[in-house]
Every structure is written in C-alpha cells, then in structure tokens.
Amino acid sequence: VCNTVFGLLVYTLLYAWLHAKVNYLVLMVPSNILAITNAYICYKLFVFRTRGHIIREYFRFYVVYGASILLNFLIMFIMVDGLGVHPLISQLFGAGITTVCSYLGHRHFSFGRKRKKADKPL
C-alpha cells in the first residue's frame, strides 16, 4: 500500500507541476523510476526479506515493473484518450490493477527462490 501511495503521490505532484507542458504519459516515466526504486527497497527489506542477490533481484524487479508499466500505459491511454477520464483518476485505477499483477510477479519471479528437493511439499 505504501508503495502504491508513494507512486501515486509522485505522479500527482509531477502532473500538478508539469501537465501544461508535458504529456500525462511522459510524466509516468520519471514517476515510475522513482516509484520502482522506492518499491524495490521496501519489497526487499520489508515484504520478502531476502538477503544478497541485489543486482539480480533489481533487474528482475524492473522486468516485472516494465510489464506493469506497459499495462498501466495502456489502461491510461484507453481511459484518458478513449473514455475522457481525467489522468489522475485513470492513474489511480491503473495503479490498483498493476499493484496486484506486480506483487504476484515479484513474489514468483523477482524475489522467488528455487526450492531444494527437500523443501518441496509431498
């Protein structure tokens, strides 16, 4: 929840500051870079509590978020340009959907550990 709120806050601030000069989709790029880095730190330290593998996990984290960002771009484009919904409302809706998708991706891919044979359930 904190990561989603942080990402929405960053986007909202950038939108309020620059929307007259910069397209709402372009504003997603810097807001996502900041939000992804913040989310990685929080996921690593507080959610999955993994040790080591910082570079590998960070790369995998970006792969999962890359897919989520593309999904969010699509949602925002359809809602804003297709349906006339305000960009901030569209971002809120898209964040809800992508949060669930990215959590599952991080759980199984970014921070997932391969089980040893002894760890597998019978």
C-alpha atoms as a PDB file:
ATOM      1  CA  VAL A   1       0.000   0.000   0.000  1.00  0.00           C
ATOM      2  CA  CYS A   2       2.811   2.424   0.894  1.00  0.00           C
ATOM      3  CA  ASN A   3       4.498   1.863  -2.467  1.00  0.00           C
ATOM      4  CA  THR A   4       1.269   2.475  -4.354  1.00  0.00           C
ATOM      5  CA  VAL A   5       0.579   5.654  -2.381  1.00  0.00           C
ATOM      6  CA  PHE A   6       4.171   6.823  -2.945  1.00  0.00           C
ATOM      7  CA  GLY A   7       3.918   6.213  -6.712  1.00  0.00           C
ATOM      8  CA  LEU A   8       0.539   7.954  -6.937  1.00  0.00           C
ATOM      9  CA  LEU A   9       1.838  10.891  -4.923  1.00  0.00           C
ATOM     10  CA  VAL A  10       4.911  11.293  -7.148  1.00  0.00           C
ATOM     11  CA  TYR A  11       2.763  11.145 -10.297  1.00  0.00           C
ATOM     12  CA  THR A  12       0.229  13.596  -8.841  1.00  0.00           C
ATOM     13  CA  LEU A  13       2.952  16.086  -7.925  1.00  0.00           C
ATOM     14  CA  LEU A  14       4.595  15.833 -11.350  1.00  0.00           C
ATOM     15  CA  TYR A  15       1.210  16.146 -13.057  1.00  0.00           C
ATOM     16  CA  ALA A  16       0.262  19.208 -10.983  1.00  0.00           C
ATOM     17  CA  TRP A  17       3.615  20.820 -11.717  1.00  0.00           C
ATOM     18  CA  LEU A  18       4.106  19.937 -15.393  1.00  0.00           C
ATOM     19  CA  HIS A  19       0.819  18.859 -17.012  1.00  0.00           C
ATOM     20  CA  ALA A  20       0.538  22.071 -19.024  1.00  0.00           C
ATOM     21  CA  LYS A  21       3.926  21.423 -20.660  1.00  0.00           C
ATOM     22  CA  VAL A  22       4.378  17.639 -20.610  1.00  0.00           C
ATOM     23  CA  ASN A  23       2.029  14.871 -21.784  1.00  0.00           C
ATOM     24  CA  TYR A  24       0.454  12.833 -18.982  1.00  0.00           C
ATOM     25  CA  LEU A  25       2.013   9.610 -20.346  1.00  0.00           C
ATOM     26  CA  VAL A  26       5.516  11.117 -20.442  1.00  0.00           C
ATOM     27  CA  LEU A  27       5.131  12.090 -16.783  1.00  0.00           C
ATOM     28  CA  MET A  28       4.772   8.402 -15.974  1.00  0.00           C
ATOM     29  CA  VAL A  29       8.428   7.768 -16.863  1.00  0.00           C
ATOM     30  CA  PRO A  30      10.148   9.790 -14.093  1.00  0.00           C
ATOM     31  CA  SER A  31       7.413   8.956 -11.600  1.00  0.00           C
ATOM     32  CA  ASN A  32       7.858   5.241 -12.301  1.00  0.00           C
ATOM     33  CA  ILE A  33      11.647   5.396 -11.972  1.00  0.00           C
ATOM     34  CA  LEU A  34      11.296   6.942  -8.516  1.00  0.00           C
ATOM     35  CA  ALA A  35       8.438   4.656  -7.512  1.00  0.00           C
ATOM     36  CA  ILE A  36      10.171   1.475  -8.705  1.00  0.00           C
ATOM     37  CA  THR A  37      13.360   2.261  -6.807  1.00  0.00           C
ATOM     38  CA  ASN A  38      11.396   3.034  -3.655  1.00  0.00           C
ATOM     39  CA  ALA A  39       9.303  -0.121  -4.103  1.00  0.00           C
ATOM     40  CA  TYR A  40      12.375  -2.312  -4.615  1.00  0.00           C
ATOM     41  CA  ILE A  41      13.886  -1.184  -1.341  1.00  0.00           C
ATOM     42  CA  CYS A  42      10.618  -1.714   0.539  1.00  0.00           C
ATOM     43  CA  TYR A  43       9.896  -5.106  -1.044  1.00  0.00           C
ATOM     44  CA  LYS A  44      13.434  -6.347  -0.408  1.00  0.00           C
ATOM     45  CA  LEU A  45      13.634  -5.192   3.192  1.00  0.00           C
ATOM     46  CA  PHE A  46      10.073  -5.481   4.479  1.00  0.00           C
ATOM     47  CA  VAL A  47       7.953  -7.744   2.268  1.00  0.00           C
ATOM     48  CA  PHE A  48      10.132 -10.608   1.051  1.00  0.00           C
ATOM     49  CA  ARG A  49      13.124 -10.011   3.386  1.00  0.00           C
ATOM     50  CA  THR A  50      15.691 -11.510   1.051  1.00  0.00           C
ATOM     51  CA  ARG A  51      19.434 -11.318   1.508  1.00  0.00           C
ATOM     52  CA  GLY A  52      22.014 -10.804  -1.225  1.00  0.00           C
ATOM     53  CA  HIS A  53      21.344 -11.028  -4.966  1.00  0.00           C
ATOM     54  CA  ILE A  54      20.779  -7.257  -5.117  1.00  0.00           C
ATOM     55  CA  ILE A  55      21.640  -6.777  -8.807  1.00  0.00           C
ATOM     56  CA  ARG A  56      19.761  -9.885  -9.992  1.00  0.00           C
ATOM     57  CA  GLU A  57      16.665  -9.040  -7.952  1.00  0.00           C
ATOM     58  CA  TYR A  58      16.749  -5.384  -9.007  1.00  0.00           C
ATOM     59  CA  PHE A  59      16.935  -6.385 -12.694  1.00  0.00           C
ATOM     60  CA  ARG A  60      14.084  -8.885 -12.254  1.00  0.00           C
ATOM     61  CA  PHE A  61      12.147  -6.243 -10.343  1.00  0.00           C
ATOM     62  CA  TYR A  62      12.442  -3.874 -13.313  1.00  0.00           C
ATOM     63  CA  VAL A  63      11.347  -6.629 -15.714  1.00  0.00           C
ATOM     64  CA  VAL A  64       8.174  -7.210 -13.701  1.00  0.00           C
ATOM     65  CA  TYR A  65       7.529  -3.493 -13.341  1.00  0.00           C
ATOM     66  CA  GLY A  66       8.255  -2.990 -17.035  1.00  0.00           C
ATOM     67  CA  ALA A  67       5.328  -5.257 -17.845  1.00  0.00           C
ATOM     68  CA  SER A  68       3.200  -3.468 -15.258  1.00  0.00           C
ATOM     69  CA  ILE A  69       4.143  -0.068 -16.674  1.00  0.00           C
ATOM     70  CA  LEU A  70       3.132  -1.138 -20.173  1.00  0.00           C
ATOM     71  CA  LEU A  71      -0.195  -2.340 -18.798  1.00  0.00           C
ATOM     72  CA  ASN A  72      -0.635   0.953 -16.934  1.00  0.00           C
ATOM     73  CA  PHE A  73       0.199   2.977 -20.085  1.00  0.00           C
ATOM     74  CA  LEU A  74      -2.457   1.033 -21.972  1.00  0.00           C
ATOM     75  CA  ILE A  75      -5.060   1.497 -19.228  1.00  0.00           C
ATOM     76  CA  MET A  76      -4.357   5.225 -19.015  1.00  0.00           C
ATOM     77  CA  PHE A  77      -4.431   5.729 -22.776  1.00  0.00           C
ATOM     78  CA  ILE A  78      -7.775   3.933 -23.095  1.00  0.00           C
ATOM     79  CA  MET A  79      -9.301   5.740 -20.140  1.00  0.00           C
ATOM     80  CA  VAL A  80      -7.971   9.243 -20.894  1.00  0.00           C
ATOM     81  CA  ASP A  81      -7.960   9.395 -24.693  1.00  0.00           C
ATOM     82  CA  GLY A  82     -10.695   6.854 -25.320  1.00  0.00           C
ATOM     83  CA  LEU A  83     -13.143   7.475 -22.479  1.00  0.00           C
ATOM     84  CA  GLY A  84     -12.261  11.043 -21.460  1.00  0.00           C
ATOM     85  CA  VAL A  85     -11.416  10.182 -17.842  1.00  0.00           C
ATOM     86  CA  HIS A  86      -9.075  12.595 -16.016  1.00  0.00           C
ATOM     87  CA  PRO A  87      -5.428  11.356 -15.930  1.00  0.00           C
ATOM     88  CA  LEU A  88      -5.251  11.310 -12.120  1.00  0.00           C
ATOM     89  CA  ILE A  89      -8.368   9.134 -11.864  1.00  0.00           C
ATOM     90  CA  SER A  90      -7.015   6.881 -14.612  1.00  0.00           C
ATOM     91  CA  GLN A  91      -3.692   6.560 -12.799  1.00  0.00           C
ATOM     92  CA  LEU A  92      -5.484   5.572  -9.601  1.00  0.00           C
ATOM     93  CA  PHE A  93      -7.467   2.880 -11.424  1.00  0.00           C
ATOM     94  CA  GLY A  94      -4.388   1.606 -13.279  1.00  0.00           C
ATOM     95  CA  ALA A  95      -2.344   1.519 -10.073  1.00  0.00           C
ATOM     96  CA  GLY A  96      -4.914  -0.742  -8.450  1.00  0.00           C
ATOM     97  CA  ILE A  97      -4.734  -3.281 -11.255  1.00  0.00           C
ATOM     98  CA  THR A  98      -0.969  -3.178 -11.715  1.00  0.00           C
ATOM     99  CA  THR A  99      -0.307  -3.445  -7.974  1.00  0.00           C
ATOM    100  CA  VAL A 100      -1.867  -6.897  -7.865  1.00  0.00           C
ATOM    101  CA  CYS A 101      -0.114  -8.021 -11.062  1.00  0.00           C
ATOM    102  CA  SER A 102       3.287  -6.740  -9.984  1.00  0.00           C
ATOM    103  CA  TYR A 103       3.039  -8.236  -6.483  1.00  0.00           C
ATOM    104  CA  LEU A 104       2.444 -11.679  -7.989  1.00  0.00           C
ATOM    105  CA  GLY A 105       5.310 -11.178 -10.433  1.00  0.00           C
ATOM    106  CA  HIS A 106       7.668 -10.115  -7.655  1.00  0.00           C
ATOM    107  CA  ARG A 107       6.600 -12.974  -5.431  1.00  0.00           C
ATOM    108  CA  HIS A 108       7.209 -15.609  -8.078  1.00  0.00           C
ATOM    109  CA  PHE A 109       9.958 -14.040 -10.209  1.00  0.00           C
ATOM    110  CA  SER A 110      11.849 -11.075  -8.716  1.00  0.00           C
ATOM    111  CA  PHE A 111      12.311 -12.439  -5.221  1.00  0.00           C
ATOM    112  CA  GLY A 112      11.330 -16.049  -5.806  1.00  0.00           C
ATOM    113  CA  ARG A 113      13.821 -18.618  -4.690  1.00  0.00           C
ATOM    114  CA  LYS A 114      14.121 -22.043  -6.229  1.00  0.00           C
ATOM    115  CA  ARG A 115      13.151 -24.708  -3.748  1.00  0.00           C
ATOM    116  CA  LYS A 116      15.512 -27.518  -2.946  1.00  0.00           C
ATOM    117  CA  LYS A 117      14.149 -31.045  -3.304  1.00  0.00           C
ATOM    118  CA  ALA A 118      13.905 -31.332   0.469  1.00  0.00           C
ATOM    119  CA  ASP A 119      11.790 -28.129   0.595  1.00  0.00           C
ATOM    120  CA  LYS A 120       9.148 -29.343  -1.845  1.00  0.00           C
ATOM    121  CA  PRO A 121       5.845 -30.441  -0.318  1.00  0.00           C
ATOM    122  CA  LEU A 122       4.989 -34.117  -0.556  1.00  0.00           C
END
